[in-house]
Structures are given as C-alpha cells and as structure tokens.
C-alpha cells in the first residue's frame, strides 16, 4: 500500500490520453486511472511510454498496469492479462465523400487500403 501503482500510458491519443499545453497528462484513460487509484486508496504514478513499449515494460515490471486504449487481441492475450473491456471504439472505413460500397468484398477488389498497426490512431474517430 505504500508503493505507488505505476501505470504505463502513451499520451498521444486524444481524447483518451494527451498532454496539456502545460505538460500534464489528461484524458479519459487518465481520468479512469486516477479514479481507480482513488478507489483503491493508492497513489498513481503515470509512466509515459511509446505504445510499442508498453507490453514489454509491463512484462519486465517497469510498470504495474497499462491504461492506453489498447485493443484486446488474441496475440496480446497470449502475452498479458486484460480486464473487462471498458469502452468500445469500432473500426471505421473512410472514403472520399460521395463514395459508397454496395458489396465491400467486390467493390474493394484490386484496391489498396491503408491500416495502422501497433499503435492507436492519432485522430479522434467521428461520432456515429
């Protein structure tokens, strides 16, 4: 109880995690972490880390937990334990205005699609 809980975070995914102009951590993940620490009556110690280094830091015990908008995948579940999902951010497909897909499999055949792997996107997804 005397030791702070070291929480790893990448502060580059607003509104979930970000740095304020004065250099403070802020966002939804930070708010949840601070509320959890308050409920557990422990001190939070936020540890900024590049996203790709979060799981390795957890595995070598440089941090005690990760709060950084991490998608739960089978590969990651083989490496670390997850809590229950506490929010859902569905994937989005972005196209030129006015474009439509009737049959994605057929309409996208031969096209190239860009994806981001290994880190959360830096842009906030649009509302539903």
N, C-alpha and C. Protein backbone atom coordinates (compact mmCIF):
# COMPACT_ATOMS: atom_id res chain seq x y z
N UNK A 1 0.82 -1.20 0.00
CA UNK A 1 0.00 0.00 0.00
C UNK A 1 0.86 1.26 0.00
N UNK A 2 2.12 1.16 0.42
CA UNK A 2 2.99 2.34 0.46
C UNK A 2 3.57 2.67 -0.91
N UNK A 3 3.64 1.68 -1.79
CA UNK A 3 4.23 1.91 -3.10
C UNK A 3 3.17 2.40 -4.08
N UNK A 4 3.51 3.38 -4.91
CA UNK A 4 2.54 3.84 -5.91
C UNK A 4 2.32 2.77 -6.98
N UNK A 5 1.17 2.81 -7.62
CA UNK A 5 0.88 1.94 -8.75
C UNK A 5 1.39 2.66 -10.00
N UNK A 6 2.34 2.04 -10.68
CA UNK A 6 2.95 2.63 -11.88
C UNK A 6 2.10 2.24 -13.09
N UNK A 7 1.50 3.24 -13.70
CA UNK A 7 0.61 2.99 -14.83
C UNK A 7 1.25 3.51 -16.11
N UNK A 8 1.44 2.61 -17.07
CA UNK A 8 2.01 2.98 -18.35
C UNK A 8 0.96 3.57 -19.28
N UNK A 9 1.35 4.63 -19.98
CA UNK A 9 0.43 5.31 -20.89
C UNK A 9 1.22 5.93 -22.03
N UNK A 10 0.62 5.93 -23.22
CA UNK A 10 1.15 6.72 -24.33
C UNK A 10 0.22 7.91 -24.48
N UNK A 11 0.73 9.10 -24.29
CA UNK A 11 -0.10 10.30 -24.26
C UNK A 11 -0.25 10.93 -25.64
N UNK A 12 -0.71 10.13 -26.61
CA UNK A 12 -0.82 10.64 -27.97
C UNK A 12 -2.10 10.18 -28.65
N UNK A 13 -3.18 10.03 -27.88
CA UNK A 13 -4.42 9.51 -28.44
C UNK A 13 -5.62 10.25 -27.86
N UNK A 14 -5.72 11.56 -28.16
CA UNK A 14 -6.85 12.32 -27.63
C UNK A 14 -8.17 11.79 -28.18
N UNK A 15 -9.23 11.80 -27.45
CA UNK A 15 -9.41 12.37 -26.12
C UNK A 15 -9.08 11.39 -25.00
N UNK A 16 -8.54 10.21 -25.34
CA UNK A 16 -8.28 9.20 -24.32
C UNK A 16 -7.01 9.48 -23.53
N UNK A 17 -5.97 9.93 -24.19
CA UNK A 17 -4.74 10.29 -23.49
C UNK A 17 -4.02 11.37 -24.29
N UNK A 18 -3.58 12.40 -23.57
CA UNK A 18 -2.92 13.52 -24.22
C UNK A 18 -2.12 14.30 -23.20
N UNK A 19 -1.28 15.21 -23.71
CA UNK A 19 -0.54 16.14 -22.85
C UNK A 19 -1.19 17.50 -23.02
N UNK A 20 -1.44 18.16 -21.90
CA UNK A 20 -1.98 19.51 -21.94
C UNK A 20 -0.85 20.48 -22.32
N UNK A 21 -1.19 21.71 -22.68
CA UNK A 21 -0.13 22.67 -23.04
C UNK A 21 0.91 22.86 -21.94
N UNK A 22 0.52 22.65 -20.68
CA UNK A 22 1.50 22.80 -19.59
C UNK A 22 2.22 21.49 -19.27
N UNK A 23 2.04 20.46 -20.14
CA UNK A 23 2.78 19.21 -19.97
C UNK A 23 2.15 18.17 -19.07
N UNK A 24 0.94 18.41 -18.61
CA UNK A 24 0.27 17.45 -17.73
C UNK A 24 -0.46 16.38 -18.56
N UNK A 25 -0.53 15.17 -18.01
CA UNK A 25 -1.31 14.11 -18.66
C UNK A 25 -2.78 14.36 -18.42
N UNK A 26 -3.60 14.09 -19.43
CA UNK A 26 -5.04 14.28 -19.32
C UNK A 26 -5.73 13.30 -20.25
N UNK A 27 -7.05 13.22 -20.12
CA UNK A 27 -7.86 12.39 -21.00
C UNK A 27 -8.63 11.33 -20.25
N UNK A 28 -9.47 10.63 -21.00
CA UNK A 28 -10.36 9.60 -20.46
C UNK A 28 -9.59 8.51 -19.71
N UNK A 29 -8.52 7.99 -20.31
CA UNK A 29 -7.74 6.93 -19.65
C UNK A 29 -7.11 7.43 -18.36
N UNK A 30 -6.63 8.65 -18.35
CA UNK A 30 -6.04 9.24 -17.15
C UNK A 30 -7.11 9.41 -16.07
N UNK A 31 -8.28 9.87 -16.46
CA UNK A 31 -9.39 10.03 -15.50
C UNK A 31 -9.78 8.69 -14.89
N UNK A 32 -9.87 7.65 -15.72
CA UNK A 32 -10.22 6.32 -15.20
C UNK A 32 -9.13 5.82 -14.26
N UNK A 33 -7.87 5.97 -14.65
CA UNK A 33 -6.78 5.52 -13.79
C UNK A 33 -6.75 6.24 -12.46
N UNK A 34 -6.93 7.55 -12.48
CA UNK A 34 -6.95 8.31 -11.23
C UNK A 34 -8.12 7.89 -10.35
N UNK A 35 -9.29 7.65 -10.95
CA UNK A 35 -10.45 7.20 -10.18
C UNK A 35 -10.21 5.82 -9.58
N UNK A 36 -9.58 4.92 -10.33
CA UNK A 36 -9.27 3.59 -9.80
C UNK A 36 -8.30 3.68 -8.63
N UNK A 37 -7.26 4.50 -8.78
CA UNK A 37 -6.30 4.65 -7.70
C UNK A 37 -6.96 5.25 -6.46
N UNK A 38 -7.84 6.22 -6.66
CA UNK A 38 -8.56 6.80 -5.53
C UNK A 38 -9.42 5.75 -4.84
N UNK A 39 -10.12 4.94 -5.63
CA UNK A 39 -10.97 3.88 -5.07
C UNK A 39 -10.14 2.85 -4.29
N UNK A 40 -8.95 2.53 -4.82
CA UNK A 40 -8.07 1.55 -4.17
C UNK A 40 -7.24 2.17 -3.05
N UNK A 41 -7.33 3.51 -2.92
CA UNK A 41 -6.58 4.25 -1.91
C UNK A 41 -5.07 4.03 -2.06
N UNK A 42 -4.61 4.16 -3.32
CA UNK A 42 -3.19 4.08 -3.64
C UNK A 42 -2.82 5.30 -4.48
N UNK A 43 -1.55 5.59 -4.54
CA UNK A 43 -1.07 6.70 -5.36
C UNK A 43 -0.80 6.19 -6.78
N UNK A 44 -1.28 6.93 -7.77
CA UNK A 44 -0.96 6.63 -9.18
C UNK A 44 0.37 7.29 -9.53
N UNK A 45 1.22 6.57 -10.20
CA UNK A 45 2.42 7.15 -10.79
C UNK A 45 2.34 6.86 -12.28
N UNK A 46 2.11 7.91 -13.06
CA UNK A 46 1.96 7.75 -14.50
C UNK A 46 3.34 7.67 -15.15
N UNK A 47 3.53 6.66 -16.00
CA UNK A 47 4.80 6.44 -16.68
C UNK A 47 4.54 6.52 -18.18
N UNK A 48 5.04 7.58 -18.81
CA UNK A 48 4.86 7.72 -20.25
C UNK A 48 5.79 6.76 -20.97
N UNK A 49 5.25 6.18 -22.02
CA UNK A 49 5.98 5.15 -22.75
C UNK A 49 5.48 5.17 -24.19
N UNK A 50 6.35 4.90 -25.15
CA UNK A 50 5.89 4.70 -26.53
C UNK A 50 4.95 3.49 -26.52
N UNK A 51 3.92 3.53 -27.36
CA UNK A 51 2.90 2.49 -27.36
C UNK A 51 3.51 1.09 -27.52
N UNK A 52 4.43 0.94 -28.47
CA UNK A 52 5.03 -0.37 -28.71
C UNK A 52 5.84 -0.89 -27.53
N UNK A 53 6.21 -0.02 -26.60
CA UNK A 53 6.99 -0.44 -25.44
C UNK A 53 6.16 -0.73 -24.21
N UNK A 54 4.85 -0.53 -24.27
CA UNK A 54 4.02 -0.71 -23.08
C UNK A 54 4.01 -2.16 -22.59
N UNK A 55 3.71 -3.10 -23.46
CA UNK A 55 3.67 -4.51 -23.02
C UNK A 55 5.05 -4.98 -22.57
N UNK A 56 6.13 -4.69 -23.32
CA UNK A 56 7.44 -5.09 -22.81
C UNK A 56 7.75 -4.49 -21.43
N UNK A 57 7.38 -3.23 -21.21
CA UNK A 57 7.62 -2.61 -19.90
C UNK A 57 6.83 -3.31 -18.80
N UNK A 58 5.60 -3.72 -19.10
CA UNK A 58 4.79 -4.46 -18.13
C UNK A 58 5.42 -5.81 -17.82
N UNK A 59 5.89 -6.49 -18.85
CA UNK A 59 6.45 -7.83 -18.67
C UNK A 59 7.73 -7.83 -17.84
N UNK A 60 8.52 -6.74 -17.92
CA UNK A 60 9.75 -6.67 -17.11
C UNK A 60 9.53 -5.88 -15.83
N UNK A 61 8.27 -5.59 -15.51
CA UNK A 61 7.85 -4.95 -14.26
C UNK A 61 8.36 -3.52 -14.07
N UNK A 62 8.56 -2.80 -15.19
CA UNK A 62 8.86 -1.37 -15.08
C UNK A 62 7.59 -0.59 -14.77
N UNK A 63 6.44 -1.19 -15.14
CA UNK A 63 5.13 -0.62 -14.82
C UNK A 63 4.26 -1.75 -14.26
N UNK A 64 3.21 -1.37 -13.55
CA UNK A 64 2.32 -2.35 -12.93
C UNK A 64 1.05 -2.60 -13.75
N UNK A 65 0.70 -1.65 -14.61
CA UNK A 65 -0.52 -1.75 -15.41
C UNK A 65 -0.38 -0.85 -16.62
N UNK A 66 -1.25 -1.06 -17.59
CA UNK A 66 -1.31 -0.23 -18.79
C UNK A 66 -2.72 0.34 -18.89
N UNK A 67 -2.80 1.63 -19.13
CA UNK A 67 -4.08 2.29 -19.42
C UNK A 67 -3.84 3.16 -20.63
N UNK A 68 -4.00 2.58 -21.82
CA UNK A 68 -3.63 3.32 -23.02
C UNK A 68 -4.40 2.85 -24.25
N UNK A 69 -5.71 2.78 -24.16
CA UNK A 69 -6.55 2.44 -25.32
C UNK A 69 -5.98 1.31 -26.15
N UNK A 70 -5.78 0.17 -25.53
CA UNK A 70 -5.19 -0.97 -26.20
C UNK A 70 -6.27 -1.96 -26.60
N UNK A 71 -6.29 -2.28 -27.87
CA UNK A 71 -7.24 -3.27 -28.37
C UNK A 71 -6.86 -4.65 -27.85
N UNK A 72 -7.85 -5.39 -27.39
CA UNK A 72 -7.63 -6.74 -26.90
C UNK A 72 -7.60 -7.68 -28.10
N UNK A 73 -6.44 -8.29 -28.35
CA UNK A 73 -6.30 -9.23 -29.46
C UNK A 73 -5.85 -10.58 -28.90
N UNK A 74 -6.04 -11.62 -29.68
CA UNK A 74 -5.60 -12.95 -29.25
C UNK A 74 -4.09 -12.97 -29.02
N UNK A 75 -3.33 -12.31 -29.89
CA UNK A 75 -1.88 -12.26 -29.73
C UNK A 75 -1.49 -11.60 -28.42
N UNK A 76 -2.12 -10.48 -28.11
CA UNK A 76 -1.81 -9.78 -26.85
C UNK A 76 -2.27 -10.59 -25.64
N UNK A 77 -3.40 -11.29 -25.76
CA UNK A 77 -3.88 -12.10 -24.63
C UNK A 77 -2.93 -13.25 -24.32
N UNK A 78 -2.14 -13.68 -25.29
CA UNK A 78 -1.15 -14.73 -25.02
C UNK A 78 0.02 -14.17 -24.21
N UNK A 79 0.16 -12.84 -24.18
CA UNK A 79 1.30 -12.21 -23.55
C UNK A 79 0.97 -11.58 -22.19
N UNK A 80 -0.22 -10.99 -22.07
CA UNK A 80 -0.61 -10.29 -20.85
C UNK A 80 -2.09 -10.54 -20.54
N UNK A 81 -2.49 -10.25 -19.31
CA UNK A 81 -3.89 -10.36 -18.91
C UNK A 81 -4.59 -9.03 -19.11
N UNK A 82 -5.87 -9.08 -19.46
CA UNK A 82 -6.68 -7.89 -19.65
C UNK A 82 -7.83 -7.89 -18.65
N UNK A 83 -8.29 -6.70 -18.29
CA UNK A 83 -9.54 -6.57 -17.54
C UNK A 83 -10.68 -6.70 -18.54
N UNK A 84 -11.90 -6.58 -18.07
CA UNK A 84 -13.03 -6.49 -18.99
C UNK A 84 -12.88 -5.20 -19.79
N UNK A 85 -13.33 -5.22 -21.02
CA UNK A 85 -13.30 -4.03 -21.87
C UNK A 85 -14.17 -2.95 -21.23
N UNK A 86 -13.65 -1.72 -21.16
CA UNK A 86 -14.43 -0.66 -20.52
C UNK A 86 -14.95 0.38 -21.50
N UNK A 87 -14.63 0.27 -22.76
CA UNK A 87 -15.30 1.03 -23.80
C UNK A 87 -15.00 0.38 -25.15
N UNK A 88 -15.81 0.70 -26.15
CA UNK A 88 -15.65 0.11 -27.46
C UNK A 88 -15.48 1.22 -28.50
N UNK A 89 -14.42 1.13 -29.26
CA UNK A 89 -14.21 2.05 -30.36
C UNK A 89 -14.20 1.21 -31.63
N UNK A 90 -15.32 1.16 -32.33
CA UNK A 90 -15.36 0.33 -33.53
C UNK A 90 -14.46 0.89 -34.62
N UNK A 91 -13.99 -0.01 -35.48
CA UNK A 91 -13.16 0.41 -36.61
C UNK A 91 -14.01 1.22 -37.58
N UNK A 92 -13.36 2.08 -38.31
CA UNK A 92 -14.05 2.91 -39.30
C UNK A 92 -13.38 2.73 -40.65
N UNK A 93 -14.17 2.79 -41.67
CA UNK A 93 -13.66 2.78 -43.03
C UNK A 93 -13.93 4.16 -43.59
N UNK A 94 -12.91 4.85 -44.04
CA UNK A 94 -13.04 6.22 -44.50
C UNK A 94 -12.87 6.23 -46.02
N UNK A 95 -13.81 6.93 -46.69
CA UNK A 95 -13.77 7.02 -48.15
C UNK A 95 -13.99 8.46 -48.58
N UNK A 96 -13.73 8.71 -49.83
CA UNK A 96 -13.98 10.01 -50.43
C UNK A 96 -15.47 10.33 -50.31
N UNK A 97 -15.78 11.57 -50.02
CA UNK A 97 -17.17 11.99 -49.88
C UNK A 97 -17.96 11.62 -51.13
N UNK A 98 -19.12 11.03 -50.94
CA UNK A 98 -19.98 10.61 -52.04
C UNK A 98 -19.75 9.19 -52.49
N UNK A 99 -18.64 8.57 -52.09
CA UNK A 99 -18.37 7.19 -52.47
C UNK A 99 -19.22 6.25 -51.62
N UNK A 100 -19.50 5.08 -52.15
CA UNK A 100 -20.27 4.10 -51.38
C UNK A 100 -19.80 2.70 -51.74
N UNK A 101 -20.11 1.79 -50.85
CA UNK A 101 -19.79 0.38 -51.06
C UNK A 101 -21.09 -0.41 -51.00
N UNK A 102 -21.41 -1.10 -52.06
CA UNK A 102 -22.58 -1.99 -52.04
C UNK A 102 -22.17 -3.37 -51.58
N UNK A 103 -21.06 -3.85 -52.10
CA UNK A 103 -20.52 -5.16 -51.74
C UNK A 103 -19.03 -4.94 -51.48
N UNK A 104 -18.65 -4.70 -50.21
CA UNK A 104 -17.25 -4.36 -49.92
C UNK A 104 -16.24 -5.32 -50.53
N UNK A 105 -16.51 -6.61 -50.46
CA UNK A 105 -15.55 -7.59 -50.99
C UNK A 105 -15.34 -7.39 -52.49
N UNK A 106 -16.42 -7.19 -53.22
CA UNK A 106 -16.31 -6.99 -54.67
C UNK A 106 -15.83 -5.58 -55.00
N UNK A 107 -16.40 -4.57 -54.33
CA UNK A 107 -16.06 -3.18 -54.64
C UNK A 107 -14.62 -2.81 -54.30
N UNK A 108 -14.03 -3.51 -53.35
CA UNK A 108 -12.66 -3.20 -52.95
C UNK A 108 -11.62 -4.09 -53.63
N UNK A 109 -12.07 -5.05 -54.44
CA UNK A 109 -11.14 -5.95 -55.11
C UNK A 109 -10.17 -5.14 -55.97
N UNK A 110 -8.89 -5.39 -55.78
CA UNK A 110 -7.85 -4.70 -56.53
C UNK A 110 -7.48 -3.33 -55.99
N UNK A 111 -8.18 -2.87 -54.97
CA UNK A 111 -7.89 -1.57 -54.36
C UNK A 111 -6.87 -1.76 -53.23
N UNK A 112 -6.22 -0.68 -52.86
CA UNK A 112 -5.30 -0.71 -51.72
C UNK A 112 -5.96 0.00 -50.55
N UNK A 113 -5.78 -0.57 -49.37
CA UNK A 113 -6.31 0.04 -48.14
C UNK A 113 -5.16 0.26 -47.18
N UNK A 114 -5.15 1.41 -46.53
CA UNK A 114 -4.13 1.70 -45.53
C UNK A 114 -4.65 1.38 -44.15
N UNK A 115 -3.80 0.81 -43.33
CA UNK A 115 -4.17 0.48 -41.95
C UNK A 115 -3.06 0.93 -41.02
N UNK A 116 -3.38 1.07 -39.77
CA UNK A 116 -2.40 1.41 -38.75
C UNK A 116 -2.27 0.22 -37.83
N UNK A 117 -1.06 -0.25 -37.64
CA UNK A 117 -0.84 -1.40 -36.78
C UNK A 117 0.16 -1.05 -35.70
N UNK A 118 -0.09 -1.51 -34.48
CA UNK A 118 0.88 -1.34 -33.41
C UNK A 118 0.69 -0.10 -32.57
N UNK A 119 -0.24 0.77 -32.93
CA UNK A 119 -0.47 1.98 -32.14
C UNK A 119 -1.88 2.47 -32.42
N UNK A 120 -2.47 3.16 -31.46
CA UNK A 120 -3.78 3.73 -31.73
C UNK A 120 -3.65 4.89 -32.71
N UNK A 121 -4.71 5.19 -33.47
CA UNK A 121 -4.65 6.33 -34.39
C UNK A 121 -4.53 7.63 -33.62
N UNK A 122 -4.01 8.66 -34.25
CA UNK A 122 -3.86 9.94 -33.58
C UNK A 122 -5.09 10.81 -33.72
N UNK A 123 -5.97 10.48 -34.64
CA UNK A 123 -7.18 11.28 -34.84
C UNK A 123 -8.35 10.65 -34.08
N UNK A 124 -9.22 11.48 -33.59
CA UNK A 124 -10.41 11.01 -32.90
C UNK A 124 -11.43 10.55 -33.93
N UNK A 125 -12.00 9.34 -33.79
CA UNK A 125 -12.99 8.89 -34.75
C UNK A 125 -14.25 9.78 -34.69
N UNK A 126 -14.94 9.93 -35.83
CA UNK A 126 -16.16 10.74 -35.83
C UNK A 126 -17.25 10.06 -35.03
N UNK A 127 -18.23 10.84 -34.53
CA UNK A 127 -19.34 10.24 -33.81
C UNK A 127 -20.19 9.39 -34.75
N UNK A 128 -20.91 8.43 -34.18
CA UNK A 128 -21.75 7.54 -35.00
C UNK A 128 -22.82 8.29 -35.72
